[in-house]
Amino acid sequence: MRYDHQRRDRGQVALEYLGFLPILLLVAMGAVQLGLISYTAQQAGTAARAGARSASLQGPHERDCKAAVSDWLAGKTTCAQAGGGEEVTVTAEITIPSIFPGKDDFGTARKTATMPLDH
């Protein structure tokens, strides 16, 4: 009799684990999404600095801005130049990718960099 009782307990543990598995997967996906948000913000800062550096040298800031980010984010990147006088400002904006099905809008990461013009 005792053997049958232990055997049934093992089946119960497996069912409890299977019930908890979707929650674990959701938490893991949330952690990956937070990492993507952070990475996209870091890439926007890199793009803004590269674009501002290029624009300060009278270079093609848009191309250099997009070239500074990962290839899979370059298509979601826009760079705008502003400024006048002795400095130039470039704002890079990247659409944050989503790993959640049906959830496409996590917004954008926007960073700005300003550099003095090189005469």
PDB file of N, CA and C in Angstrom:
ATOM      1  N   MET A   1       0.804  -1.194   0.000  1.00  0.00           N
ATOM      2  CA  MET A   1       0.000   0.000   0.000  1.00  0.00           C
ATOM      3  C   MET A   1       0.851   1.265   0.000  1.00  0.00           C
ATOM      4  N   ARG A   2       1.872   1.257   0.763  1.00  0.00           N
ATOM      5  CA  ARG A   2       2.706   2.448   0.870  1.00  0.00           C
ATOM      6  C   ARG A   2       3.333   2.795  -0.485  1.00  0.00           C
ATOM      7  N   TYR A   3       3.685   1.819  -1.255  1.00  0.00           N
ATOM      8  CA  TYR A   3       4.293   2.041  -2.555  1.00  0.00           C
ATOM      9  C   TYR A   3       3.337   2.787  -3.488  1.00  0.00           C
ATOM     10  N   ASP A   4       2.079   2.451  -3.500  1.00  0.00           N
ATOM     11  CA  ASP A   4       1.103   3.131  -4.351  1.00  0.00           C
ATOM     12  C   ASP A   4       0.952   4.599  -3.970  1.00  0.00           C
ATOM     13  N   HIS A   5       1.000   4.901  -2.689  1.00  0.00           N
ATOM     14  CA  HIS A   5       0.861   6.278  -2.223  1.00  0.00           C
ATOM     15  C   HIS A   5       2.029   7.146  -2.730  1.00  0.00           C
ATOM     16  N   GLN A   6       3.255   6.638  -2.666  1.00  0.00           N
ATOM     17  CA  GLN A   6       4.417   7.392  -3.144  1.00  0.00           C
ATOM     18  C   GLN A   6       4.351   7.596  -4.655  1.00  0.00           C
ATOM     19  N   ARG A   7       3.876   6.631  -5.362  1.00  0.00           N
ATOM     20  CA  ARG A   7       3.779   6.723  -6.812  1.00  0.00           C
ATOM     21  C   ARG A   7       2.789   7.821  -7.225  1.00  0.00           C
ATOM     22  N   ARG A   8       1.664   7.950  -6.533  1.00  0.00           N
ATOM     23  CA  ARG A   8       0.676   8.973  -6.837  1.00  0.00           C
ATOM     24  C   ARG A   8       1.222  10.365  -6.524  1.00  0.00           C
ATOM     25  N   ASP A   9       2.037  10.490  -5.477  1.00  0.00           N
ATOM     26  CA  ASP A   9       2.632  11.788  -5.124  1.00  0.00           C
ATOM     27  C   ASP A   9       3.543  12.294  -6.230  1.00  0.00           C
ATOM     28  N   ARG A  10       4.271  11.423  -6.857  1.00  0.00           N
ATOM     29  CA  ARG A  10       5.145  11.848  -7.942  1.00  0.00           C
ATOM     30  C   ARG A  10       4.339  12.418  -9.098  1.00  0.00           C
ATOM     31  N   GLY A  11       3.230  11.846  -9.398  1.00  0.00           N
ATOM     32  CA  GLY A  11       2.373  12.362 -10.453  1.00  0.00           C
ATOM     33  C   GLY A  11       1.811  13.733 -10.105  1.00  0.00           C
ATOM     34  N   GLN A  12       1.523  13.942  -8.833  1.00  0.00           N
ATOM     35  CA  GLN A  12       0.997  15.231  -8.396  1.00  0.00           C
ATOM     36  C   GLN A  12       2.054  16.320  -8.534  1.00  0.00           C
ATOM     37  N   VAL A  13       3.275  16.015  -8.210  1.00  0.00           N
ATOM     38  CA  VAL A  13       4.371  16.985  -8.344  1.00  0.00           C
ATOM     39  C   VAL A  13       4.563  17.365  -9.806  1.00  0.00           C
ATOM     40  N   ALA A  14       4.457  16.404 -10.700  1.00  0.00           N
ATOM     41  CA  ALA A  14       4.597  16.696 -12.128  1.00  0.00           C
ATOM     42  C   ALA A  14       3.472  17.618 -12.602  1.00  0.00           C
ATOM     43  N   LEU A  15       2.266  17.398 -12.138  1.00  0.00           N
ATOM     44  CA  LEU A  15       1.145  18.268 -12.523  1.00  0.00           C
ATOM     45  C   LEU A  15       1.308  19.669 -11.964  1.00  0.00           C
ATOM     46  N   GLU A  16       1.797  19.785 -10.730  1.00  0.00           N
ATOM     47  CA  GLU A  16       2.029  21.106 -10.149  1.00  0.00           C
ATOM     48  C   GLU A  16       3.112  21.853 -10.933  1.00  0.00           C
ATOM     49  N   TYR A  17       4.147  21.152 -11.334  1.00  0.00           N
ATOM     50  CA  TYR A  17       5.212  21.765 -12.121  1.00  0.00           C
ATOM     51  C   TYR A  17       4.679  22.252 -13.465  1.00  0.00           C
ATOM     52  N   LEU A  18       3.874  21.436 -14.124  1.00  0.00           N
ATOM     53  CA  LEU A  18       3.299  21.836 -15.405  1.00  0.00           C
ATOM     54  C   LEU A  18       2.369  23.039 -15.254  1.00  0.00           C
ATOM     55  N   GLY A  19       1.684  23.153 -14.149  1.00  0.00           N
ATOM     56  CA  GLY A  19       0.824  24.296 -13.902  1.00  0.00           C
ATOM     57  C   GLY A  19       1.605  25.574 -13.645  1.00  0.00           C
ATOM     58  N   PHE A  20       2.790  25.440 -13.070  1.00  0.00           N
ATOM     59  CA  PHE A  20       3.617  26.600 -12.750  1.00  0.00           C
ATOM     60  C   PHE A  20       4.497  27.018 -13.924  1.00  0.00           C
ATOM     61  N   LEU A  21       4.705  26.145 -14.885  1.00  0.00           N
ATOM     62  CA  LEU A  21       5.578  26.411 -16.024  1.00  0.00           C
ATOM     63  C   LEU A  21       5.183  27.653 -16.829  1.00  0.00           C
ATOM     64  N   PRO A  22       3.916  27.898 -17.140  1.00  0.00           N
ATOM     65  CA  PRO A  22       3.568  29.126 -17.883  1.00  0.00           C
ATOM     66  C   PRO A  22       3.956  30.401 -17.138  1.00  0.00           C
ATOM     67  N   ILE A  23       3.852  30.394 -15.827  1.00  0.00           N
ATOM     68  CA  ILE A  23       4.250  31.571 -15.045  1.00  0.00           C
ATOM     69  C   ILE A  23       5.753  31.786 -15.150  1.00  0.00           C
ATOM     70  N   LEU A  24       6.509  30.715 -15.069  1.00  0.00           N
ATOM     71  CA  LEU A  24       7.967  30.828 -15.214  1.00  0.00           C
ATOM     72  C   LEU A  24       8.347  31.351 -16.598  1.00  0.00           C
ATOM     73  N   LEU A  25       7.667  30.870 -17.623  1.00  0.00           N
ATOM     74  CA  LEU A  25       7.950  31.335 -18.982  1.00  0.00           C
ATOM     75  C   LEU A  25       7.612  32.811 -19.149  1.00  0.00           C
ATOM     76  N   LEU A  26       6.510  33.253 -18.566  1.00  0.00           N
ATOM     77  CA  LEU A  26       6.114  34.655 -18.643  1.00  0.00           C
ATOM     78  C   LEU A  26       7.128  35.561 -17.937  1.00  0.00           C
ATOM     79  N   VAL A  27       7.610  35.128 -16.783  1.00  0.00           N
ATOM     80  CA  VAL A  27       8.625  35.899 -16.056  1.00  0.00           C
ATOM     81  C   VAL A  27       9.924  35.959 -16.866  1.00  0.00           C
ATOM     82  N   ALA A  28      10.319  34.848 -17.470  1.00  0.00           N
ATOM     83  CA  ALA A  28      11.529  34.832 -18.290  1.00  0.00           C
ATOM     84  C   ALA A  28      11.391  35.741 -19.503  1.00  0.00           C
ATOM     85  N   MET A  29      10.224  35.724 -20.150  1.00  0.00           N
ATOM     86  CA  MET A  29      10.010  36.608 -21.302  1.00  0.00           C
ATOM     87  C   MET A  29      10.041  38.073 -20.873  1.00  0.00           C
ATOM     88  N   GLY A  30       9.497  38.366 -19.695  1.00  0.00           N
ATOM     89  CA  GLY A  30       9.545  39.733 -19.172  1.00  0.00           C
ATOM     90  C   GLY A  30      10.976  40.186 -18.934  1.00  0.00           C
ATOM     91  N   ALA A  31      11.811  39.298 -18.416  1.00  0.00           N
ATOM     92  CA  ALA A  31      13.218  39.638 -18.189  1.00  0.00           C
ATOM     93  C   ALA A  31      13.940  39.896 -19.518  1.00  0.00           C
ATOM     94  N   VAL A  32      13.661  39.083 -20.514  1.00  0.00           N
ATOM     95  CA  VAL A  32      14.270  39.283 -21.834  1.00  0.00           C
ATOM     96  C   VAL A  32      13.796  40.607 -22.438  1.00  0.00           C
ATOM     97  N   GLN A  33      12.502  40.928 -22.275  1.00  0.00           N
ATOM     98  CA  GLN A  33      11.978  42.188 -22.817  1.00  0.00           C
ATOM     99  C   GLN A  33      12.629  43.389 -22.130  1.00  0.00           C
ATOM    100  N   LEU A  34      12.829  43.325 -20.827  1.00  0.00           N
ATOM    101  CA  LEU A  34      13.516  44.415 -20.123  1.00  0.00           C
ATOM    102  C   LEU A  34      14.951  44.568 -20.630  1.00  0.00           C
ATOM    103  N   GLY A  35      15.599  43.450 -20.914  1.00  0.00           N
ATOM    104  CA  GLY A  35      16.936  43.509 -21.490  1.00  0.00           C
ATOM    105  C   GLY A  35      16.935  44.164 -22.861  1.00  0.00           C
ATOM    106  N   LEU A  36      15.929  43.855 -23.674  1.00  0.00           N
ATOM    107  CA  LEU A  36      15.803  44.477 -25.001  1.00  0.00           C
ATOM    108  C   LEU A  36      15.578  45.984 -24.895  1.00  0.00           C
ATOM    109  N   ILE A  37      14.774  46.397 -23.935  1.00  0.00           N
ATOM    110  CA  ILE A  37      14.521  47.824 -23.730  1.00  0.00           C
ATOM    111  C   ILE A  37      15.816  48.528 -23.351  1.00  0.00           C
ATOM    112  N   SER A  38      16.561  47.930 -22.446  1.00  0.00           N
ATOM    113  CA  SER A  38      17.830  48.514 -22.008  1.00  0.00           C
ATOM    114  C   SER A  38      18.843  48.562 -23.150  1.00  0.00           C
ATOM    115  N   TYR A  39      18.935  47.488 -23.910  1.00  0.00           N
ATOM    116  CA  TYR A  39      19.870  47.432 -25.030  1.00  0.00           C
ATOM    117  C   TYR A  39      19.521  48.467 -26.094  1.00  0.00           C
ATOM    118  N   THR A  40      18.228  48.631 -26.372  1.00  0.00           N
ATOM    119  CA  THR A  40      17.792  49.606 -27.369  1.00  0.00           C
ATOM    120  C   THR A  40      18.131  51.022 -26.917  1.00  0.00           C
ATOM    121  N   ALA A  41      17.959  51.315 -25.636  1.00  0.00           N
ATOM    122  CA  ALA A  41      18.315  52.641 -25.111  1.00  0.00           C
ATOM    123  C   ALA A  41      19.816  52.885 -25.237  1.00  0.00           C
ATOM    124  N   GLN A  42      20.619  51.870 -24.960  1.00  0.00           N
ATOM    125  CA  GLN A  42      22.075  52.000 -25.095  1.00  0.00           C
ATOM    126  C   GLN A  42      22.452  52.235 -26.548  1.00  0.00           C
ATOM    127  N   GLN A  43      21.804  51.530 -27.468  1.00  0.00           N
ATOM    128  CA  GLN A  43      22.086  51.699 -28.892  1.00  0.00           C
ATOM    129  C   GLN A  43      21.669  53.085 -29.385  1.00  0.00           C
ATOM    130  N   ALA A  44      20.585  53.634 -28.846  1.00  0.00           N
ATOM    131  CA  ALA A  44      20.151  54.985 -29.220  1.00  0.00           C
ATOM    132  C   ALA A  44      21.197  56.014 -28.789  1.00  0.00           C
ATOM    133  N   GLY A  45      21.782  55.834 -27.614  1.00  0.00           N
ATOM    134  CA  GLY A  45      22.844  56.739 -27.166  1.00  0.00           C
ATOM    135  C   GLY A  45      24.068  56.665 -28.058  1.00  0.00           C
ATOM    136  N   THR A  46      24.431  55.458 -28.455  1.00  0.00           N
ATOM    137  CA  THR A  46      25.568  55.276 -29.357  1.00  0.00           C
ATOM    138  C   THR A  46      25.299  55.931 -30.709  1.00  0.00           C
ATOM    139  N   ALA A  47      24.083  55.755 -31.221  1.00  0.00           N
ATOM    140  CA  ALA A  47      23.710  56.340 -32.515  1.00  0.00           C
ATOM    141  C   ALA A  47      23.733  57.862 -32.444  1.00  0.00           C
ATOM    142  N   ALA A  48      23.224  58.430 -31.372  1.00  0.00           N
ATOM    143  CA  ALA A  48      23.191  59.891 -31.237  1.00  0.00           C
ATOM    144  C   ALA A  48      24.611  60.460 -31.186  1.00  0.00           C
ATOM    145  N   ARG A  49      25.497  59.824 -30.441  1.00  0.00           N
ATOM    146  CA  ARG A  49      26.885  60.298 -30.371  1.00  0.00           C
ATOM    147  C   ARG A  49      27.587  60.188 -31.715  1.00  0.00           C
ATOM    148  N   ALA A  50      27.394  59.056 -32.405  1.00  0.00           N
ATOM    149  CA  ALA A  50      28.028  58.885 -33.715  1.00  0.00           C
ATOM    150  C   ALA A  50      27.481  59.896 -34.721  1.00  0.00           C
ATOM    151  N   GLY A  51      26.176  60.117 -34.692  1.00  0.00           N
ATOM    152  CA  GLY A  51      25.576  61.093 -35.599  1.00  0.00           C
ATOM    153  C   GLY A  51      26.045  62.507 -35.307  1.00  0.00           C
ATOM    154  N   ALA A  52      26.150  62.870 -34.026  1.00  0.00           N
ATOM    155  CA  ALA A  52      26.619  64.207 -33.657  1.00  0.00           C
ATOM    156  C   ALA A  52      28.086  64.398 -34.038  1.00  0.00           C
ATOM    157  N   ARG A  53      28.883  63.360 -33.859  1.00  0.00           N
ATOM    158  CA  ARG A  53      30.300  63.441 -34.245  1.00  0.00           C
ATOM    159  C   ARG A  53      30.424  63.652 -35.748  1.00  0.00           C
ATOM    160  N   SER A  54      29.648  62.909 -36.517  1.00  0.00           N
ATOM    161  CA  SER A  54      29.679  63.039 -37.972  1.00  0.00           C
ATOM    162  C   SER A  54      29.177  64.410 -38.409  1.00  0.00           C
ATOM    163  N   ALA A  55      28.081  64.864 -37.818  1.00  0.00           N
ATOM    164  CA  ALA A  55      27.517  66.164 -38.191  1.00  0.00           C
ATOM    165  C   ALA A  55      28.457  67.303 -37.813  1.00  0.00           C
ATOM    166  N   SER A  56      29.215  67.155 -36.720  1.00  0.00           N
ATOM    167  CA  SER A  56      30.146  68.208 -36.324  1.00  0.00           C
ATOM    168  C   SER A  56      31.299  68.343 -37.315  1.00  0.00           C
ATOM    169  N   LEU A  57      31.554  67.281 -38.063  1.00  0.00           N
ATOM    170  CA  LEU A  57      32.600  67.302 -39.096  1.00  0.00           C
ATOM    171  C   LEU A  57      32.007  67.525 -40.483  1.00  0.00           C
ATOM    172  N   GLN A  58      30.746  67.962 -40.541  1.00  0.00           N
ATOM    173  CA  GLN A  58      30.008  68.194 -41.788  1.00  0.00           C
ATOM    174  C   GLN A  58      29.829  66.904 -42.587  1.00  0.00           C
ATOM    175  N   GLY A  59      29.743  65.769 -41.900  1.00  0.00           N
ATOM    176  CA  GLY A  59      29.582  64.482 -42.579  1.00  0.00           C
ATOM    177  C   GLY A  59      28.126  64.077 -42.689  1.00  0.00           C
ATOM    178  N   PRO A  60      27.885  62.907 -43.280  1.00  0.00           N
ATOM    179  CA  PRO A  60      26.513  62.407 -43.438  1.00  0.00           C
ATOM    180  C   PRO A  60      26.011  61.809 -42.118  1.00  0.00           C
ATOM    181  N   HIS A  61      25.452  62.630 -41.266  1.00  0.00           N
ATOM    182  CA  HIS A  61      25.095  62.186 -39.921  1.00  0.00           C
ATOM    183  C   HIS A  61      24.056  61.065 -39.916  1.00  0.00           C
ATOM    184  N   GLU A  62      23.103  61.078 -40.840  1.00  0.00           N
ATOM    185  CA  GLU A  62      22.051  60.051 -40.862  1.00  0.00           C
ATOM    186  C   GLU A  62      22.651  58.664 -41.114  1.00  0.00           C
ATOM    187  N   ARG A  63      23.508  58.556 -42.088  1.00  0.00           N
ATOM    188  CA  ARG A  63      24.131  57.265 -42.410  1.00  0.00           C
ATOM    189  C   ARG A  63      25.013  56.778 -41.259  1.00  0.00           C
ATOM    190  N   ASP A  64      25.818  57.678 -40.709  1.00  0.00           N
ATOM    191  CA  ASP A  64      26.715  57.292 -39.619  1.00  0.00           C
ATOM    192  C   ASP A  64      25.943  56.950 -38.347  1.00  0.00           C
ATOM    193  N   CYS A  65      24.849  57.633 -38.132  1.00  0.00           N
ATOM    194  CA  CYS A  65      23.990  57.358 -36.981  1.00  0.00           C
ATOM    195  C   CYS A  65      23.435  55.937 -37.063  1.00  0.00           C
ATOM    196  N   LYS A  66      22.902  55.558 -38.211  1.00  0.00           N
ATOM    197  CA  LYS A  66      22.340  54.218 -38.389  1.00  0.00           C
ATOM    198  C   LYS A  66      23.421  53.137 -38.414  1.00  0.00           C
ATOM    199  N   ALA A  67      24.605  53.486 -38.909  1.00  0.00           N
ATOM    200  CA  ALA A  67      25.693  52.504 -38.969  1.00  0.00           C
ATOM    201  C   ALA A  67      26.230  52.165 -37.583  1.00  0.00           C
ATOM    202  N   ALA A  68      25.968  53.016 -36.601  1.00  0.00           N
ATOM    203  CA  ALA A  68      26.499  52.800 -35.257  1.00  0.00           C
ATOM    204  C   ALA A  68      25.680  51.801 -34.441  1.00  0.00           C
ATOM    205  N   VAL A  69      24.483  51.439 -34.918  1.00  0.00           N
ATOM    206  CA  VAL A  69      23.643  50.507 -34.166  1.00  0.00           C
ATOM    207  C   VAL A  69      23.725  49.120 -34.787  1.00  0.00           C
ATOM    208  N   SER A  70      23.233  48.135 -34.053  1.00  0.00           N
ATOM    209  CA  SER A  70      23.192  46.765 -34.560  1.00  0.00           C
ATOM    210  C   SER A  70      22.355  46.702 -35.832  1.00  0.00           C
ATOM    211  N   ASP A  71      22.727  45.814 -36.724  1.00  0.00           N
ATOM    212  CA  ASP A  71      22.041  45.702 -38.016  1.00  0.00           C
ATOM    213  C   ASP A  71      20.536  45.491 -37.860  1.00  0.00           C
ATOM    214  N   TRP A  72      20.115  44.688 -36.902  1.00  0.00           N
ATOM    215  CA  TRP A  72      18.694  44.380 -36.759  1.00  0.00           C
ATOM    216  C   TRP A  72      17.900  45.540 -36.166  1.00  0.00           C
ATOM    217  N   LEU A  73      18.590  46.584 -35.668  1.00  0.00           N
ATOM    218  CA  LEU A  73      17.902  47.775 -35.177  1.00  0.00           C
ATOM    219  C   LEU A  73      18.017  48.960 -36.144  1.00  0.00           C
ATOM    220  N   ALA A  74      18.906  48.866 -37.115  1.00  0.00           N
ATOM    221  CA  ALA A  74      19.155  49.996 -38.020  1.00  0.00           C
ATOM    222  C   ALA A  74      17.902  50.403 -38.788  1.00  0.00           C
ATOM    223  N   GLY A  75      17.085  49.457 -39.161  1.00  0.00           N
ATOM    224  CA  GLY A  75      15.867  49.772 -39.902  1.00  0.00           C
ATOM    225  C   GLY A  75      14.817  50.467 -39.060  1.00  0.00           C
ATOM    226  N   LYS A  76      14.950  50.396 -37.744  1.00  0.00           N
ATOM    227  CA  LYS A  76      13.991  51.021 -36.835  1.00  0.00           C
ATOM    228  C   LYS A  76      14.548  52.311 -36.245  1.00  0.00           C
ATOM    229  N   THR A  77      15.637  52.824 -36.833  1.00  0.00           N
ATOM    230  CA  THR A  77      16.338  53.986 -36.286  1.00  0.00           C
ATOM    231  C   THR A  77      16.109  55.222 -37.143  1.00  0.00           C
ATOM    232  N   THR A  78      15.816  56.340 -36.493  1.00  0.00           N
ATOM    233  CA  THR A  78      15.764  57.633 -37.174  1.00  0.00           C
ATOM    234  C   THR A  78      16.671  58.601 -36.426  1.00  0.00           C
ATOM    235  N   CYS A  79      17.297  59.492 -37.179  1.00  0.00           N
ATOM    236  CA  CYS A  79      18.209  60.466 -36.597  1.00  0.00           C
ATOM    237  C   CYS A  79      17.874  61.849 -37.142  1.00  0.00           C
ATOM    238  N   ALA A  80      17.726  62.792 -36.256  1.00  0.00           N
ATOM    239  CA  ALA A  80      17.387  64.160 -36.653  1.00  0.00           C
ATOM    240  C   ALA A  80      18.467  65.107 -36.157  1.00  0.00           C
ATOM    241  N   GLN A  81      18.860  66.026 -37.015  1.00  0.00           N
ATOM    242  CA  GLN A  81      19.894  67.005 -36.675  1.00  0.00           C
ATOM    243  C   GLN A  81      19.247  68.355 -36.391  1.00  0.00           C
ATOM    244  N   ALA A  82      19.752  69.038 -35.385  1.00  0.00           N
ATOM    245  CA  ALA A  82      19.292  70.382 -35.060  1.00  0.00           C
ATOM    246  C   ALA A  82      20.506  71.175 -34.588  1.00  0.00           C
ATOM    247  N   GLY A  83      20.298  72.419 -34.431  1.00  0.00           N
ATOM    248  CA  GLY A  83      21.373  73.243 -33.893  1.00  0.00           C
ATOM    249  C   GLY A  83      21.746  74.360 -34.833  1.00  0.00           C
ATOM    250  N   GLY A  84      22.630  75.119 -34.381  1.00  0.00           N
ATOM    251  CA  GLY A  84      23.114  76.263 -35.135  1.00  0.00           C
ATOM    252  C   GLY A  84      24.207  76.918 -34.319  1.00  0.00           C
ATOM    253  N   GLY A  85      24.836  77.857 -34.886  1.00  0.00           N
ATOM    254  CA  GLY A  85      25.919  78.511 -34.161  1.00  0.00           C
ATOM    255  C   GLY A  85      27.153  77.645 -34.108  1.00  0.00           C
ATOM    256  N   GLU A  86      27.615  77.380 -32.930  1.00  0.00           N
ATOM    257  CA  GLU A  86      28.887  76.678 -32.742  1.00  0.00           C
ATOM    258  C   GLU A  86      28.749  75.206 -32.385  1.00  0.00           C
ATOM    259  N   GLU A  87      27.514  74.695 -32.368  1.00  0.00           N
ATOM    260  CA  GLU A  87      27.335  73.285 -32.008  1.00  0.00           C
ATOM    261  C   GLU A  87      26.204  72.661 -32.806  1.00  0.00           C
ATOM    262  N   VAL A  88      26.223  71.349 -32.818  1.00  0.00           N
ATOM    263  CA  VAL A  88      25.203  70.582 -33.528  1.00  0.00           C
ATOM    264  C   VAL A  88      24.644  69.530 -32.563  1.00  0.00           C
ATOM    265  N   THR A  89      23.343  69.300 -32.669  1.00  0.00           N
ATOM    266  CA  THR A  89      22.675  68.314 -31.823  1.00  0.00           C
ATOM    267  C   THR A  89      21.999  67.283 -32.710  1.00  0.00           C
ATOM    268  N   VAL A  90      22.183  66.018 -32.380  1.00  0.00           N
ATOM    269  CA  VAL A  90      21.541  64.926 -33.105  1.00  0.00           C
ATOM    270  C   VAL A  90      20.729  64.110 -32.114  1.00  0.00           C
ATOM    271  N   THR A  91      19.484  63.833 -32.487  1.00  0.00           N
ATOM    272  CA  THR A  91      18.605  63.001 -31.664  1.00  0.00           C
ATOM    273  C   THR A  91      18.347  61.706 -32.414  1.00  0.00           C
ATOM    274  N   ALA A  92      18.684  60.595 -31.772  1.00  0.00           N
ATOM    275  CA  ALA A  92      18.436  59.265 -32.350  1.00  0.00           C
ATOM    276  C   ALA A  92      17.231  58.654 -31.652  1.00  0.00           C
ATOM    277  N   GLU A  93      16.378  58.050 -32.454  1.00  0.00           N
ATOM    278  CA  GLU A  93      15.177  57.415 -31.924  1.00  0.00           C
ATOM    279  C   GLU A  93      15.061  56.021 -32.528  1.00  0.00           C
ATOM    280  N   ILE A  94      14.918  55.016 -31.667  1.00  0.00           N
ATOM    281  CA  ILE A  94      14.823  53.626 -32.122  1.00  0.00           C
ATOM    282  C   ILE A  94      13.555  53.005 -31.552  1.00  0.00           C
ATOM    283  N   THR A  95      12.767  52.375 -32.402  1.00  0.00           N
ATOM    284  CA  THR A  95      11.577  51.656 -31.958  1.00  0.00           C
ATOM    285  C   THR A  95      12.005  50.405 -31.197  1.00  0.00           C
ATOM    286  N   ILE A  96      11.471  50.240 -30.004  1.00  0.00           N
ATOM    287  CA  ILE A  96      11.852  49.107 -29.154  1.00  0.00           C
ATOM    288  C   ILE A  96      11.168  47.836 -29.665  1.00  0.00           C
ATOM    289  N   PRO A  97      11.947  46.790 -29.985  1.00  0.00           N
ATOM    290  CA  PRO A  97      11.345  45.543 -30.459  1.00  0.00           C
ATOM    291  C   PRO A  97      10.635  44.806 -29.320  1.00  0.00           C
ATOM    292  N   SER A  98       9.653  43.987 -29.680  1.00  0.00           N
ATOM    293  CA  SER A  98       8.885  43.227 -28.699  1.00  0.00           C
ATOM    294  C   SER A  98       9.020  41.738 -28.964  1.00  0.00           C
ATOM    295  N   ILE A  99       9.111  40.956 -27.887  1.00  0.00           N
ATOM    296  CA  ILE A  99       9.113  39.501 -28.040  1.00  0.00           C
ATOM    297  C   ILE A  99       7.748  38.908 -27.709  1.00  0.00           C
ATOM    298  N   PHE A 100       6.824  39.747 -27.238  1.00  0.00           N
ATOM    299  CA  PHE A 100       5.490  39.273 -26.897  1.00  0.00           C
ATOM    300  C   PHE A 100       4.595  39.282 -28.135  1.00  0.00           C
ATOM    301  N   PRO A 101       3.972  38.168 -28.457  1.00  0.00           N
ATOM    302  CA  PRO A 101       3.073  38.120 -29.615  1.00  0.00           C
ATOM    303  C   PRO A 101       1.880  39.063 -29.408  1.00  0.00           C
ATOM    304  N   GLY A 102       1.594  39.860 -30.411  1.00  0.00           N
ATOM    305  CA  GLY A 102       0.461  40.761 -30.348  1.00  0.00           C
ATOM    306  C   GLY A 102       0.739  42.079 -29.649  1.00  0.00           C
ATOM    307  N   LYS A 103       1.871  42.196 -28.986  1.00  0.00           N
ATOM    308  CA  LYS A 103       2.238  43.441 -28.286  1.00  0.00           C
ATOM    309  C   LYS A 103       3.384  44.072 -29.057  1.00  0.00           C
ATOM    310  N   ASP A 104       3.055  45.032 -29.918  1.00  0.00           N
ATOM    311  CA  ASP A 104       4.070  45.627 -30.776  1.00  0.00           C
ATOM    312  C   ASP A 104       4.554  46.979 -30.298  1.00  0.00           C
ATOM    313  N   ASP A 105       3.873  47.584 -29.347  1.00  0.00           N
ATOM    314  CA  ASP A 105       4.205  48.954 -28.991  1.00  0.00           C
ATOM    315  C   ASP A 105       4.821  49.056 -27.604  1.00  0.00           C
ATOM    316  N   PHE A 106       6.132  49.026 -27.551  1.00  0.00           N
ATOM    317  CA  PHE A 106       6.847  49.314 -26.318  1.00  0.00           C
ATOM    318  C   PHE A 106       7.451  50.708 -26.392  1.00  0.00           C
ATOM    319  N   GLY A 107       7.036  51.465 -27.397  1.00  0.00           N
ATOM    320  CA  GLY A 107       7.501  52.842 -27.521  1.00  0.00           C
ATOM    321  C   GLY A 107       8.833  52.942 -28.227  1.00  0.00           C
ATOM    322  N   THR A 108       9.505  54.044 -27.980  1.00  0.00           N
ATOM    323  CA  THR A 108      10.802  54.278 -28.602  1.00  0.00           C
ATOM    324  C   THR A 108      11.815  54.684 -27.540  1.00  0.00           C
ATOM    325  N   ALA A 109      13.066  54.427 -27.858  1.00  0.00           N
ATOM    326  CA  ALA A 109      14.175  54.910 -27.034  1.00  0.00           C
ATOM    327  C   ALA A 109      14.747  56.122 -27.749  1.00  0.00           C
ATOM    328  N   ARG A 110      14.835  57.232 -27.043  1.00  0.00           N
ATOM    329  CA  ARG A 110      15.306  58.484 -27.655  1.00  0.00           C
ATOM    330  C   ARG A 110      16.472  59.031 -26.847  1.00  0.00           C
ATOM    331  N   LYS A 111      17.571  59.297 -27.532  1.00  0.00           N
ATOM    332  CA  LYS A 111      18.760  59.879 -26.905  1.00  0.00           C
ATOM    333  C   LYS A 111      19.258  61.033 -27.761  1.00  0.00           C
ATOM    334  N   THR A 112      19.853  62.021 -27.106  1.00  0.00           N
ATOM    335  CA  THR A 112      20.348  63.213 -27.781  1.00  0.00           C
ATOM    336  C   THR A 112      21.809  63.427 -27.421  1.00  0.00           C
ATOM    337  N   ALA A 113      22.590  63.860 -28.408  1.00  0.00           N
ATOM    338  CA  ALA A 113      24.001  64.197 -28.182  1.00  0.00           C
ATOM    339  C   ALA A 113      24.316  65.520 -28.865  1.00  0.00           C
ATOM    340  N   THR A 114      25.122  66.336 -28.224  1.00  0.00           N
ATOM    341  CA  THR A 114      25.518  67.630 -28.754  1.00  0.00           C
ATOM    342  C   THR A 114      27.045  67.693 -28.807  1.00  0.00           C
ATOM    343  N   MET A 115      27.554  68.178 -29.929  1.00  0.00           N
ATOM    344  CA  MET A 115      29.003  68.333 -30.103  1.00  0.00           C
ATOM    345  C   MET A 115      29.299  69.680 -30.755  1.00  0.00           C
ATOM    346  N   PRO A 116      30.483  70.237 -30.457  1.00  0.00           N
ATOM    347  CA  PRO A 116      30.848  71.501 -31.080  1.00  0.00           C
ATOM    348  C   PRO A 116      31.210  71.281 -32.554  1.00  0.00           C
ATOM    349  N   LEU A 117      30.923  72.279 -33.377  1.00  0.00           N
ATOM    350  CA  LEU A 117      31.286  72.196 -34.786  1.00  0.00           C
ATOM    351  C   LEU A 117      32.795  72.305 -34.948  1.00  0.00           C
ATOM    352  N   ASP A 118      33.316  71.498 -35.845  1.00  0.00           N
ATOM    353  CA  ASP A 118      34.735  71.537 -36.153  1.00  0.00           C
ATOM    354  C   ASP A 118      34.926  72.419 -37.375  1.00  0.00           C
ATOM    355  N   HIS A 119      35.663  73.487 -37.205  1.00  0.00           N
ATOM    356  CA  HIS A 119      35.831  74.460 -38.305  1.00  0.00           C
ATOM    357  C   HIS A 119      37.035  74.147 -39.126  1.00  0.00           C
TER     358      HIS A 119
END
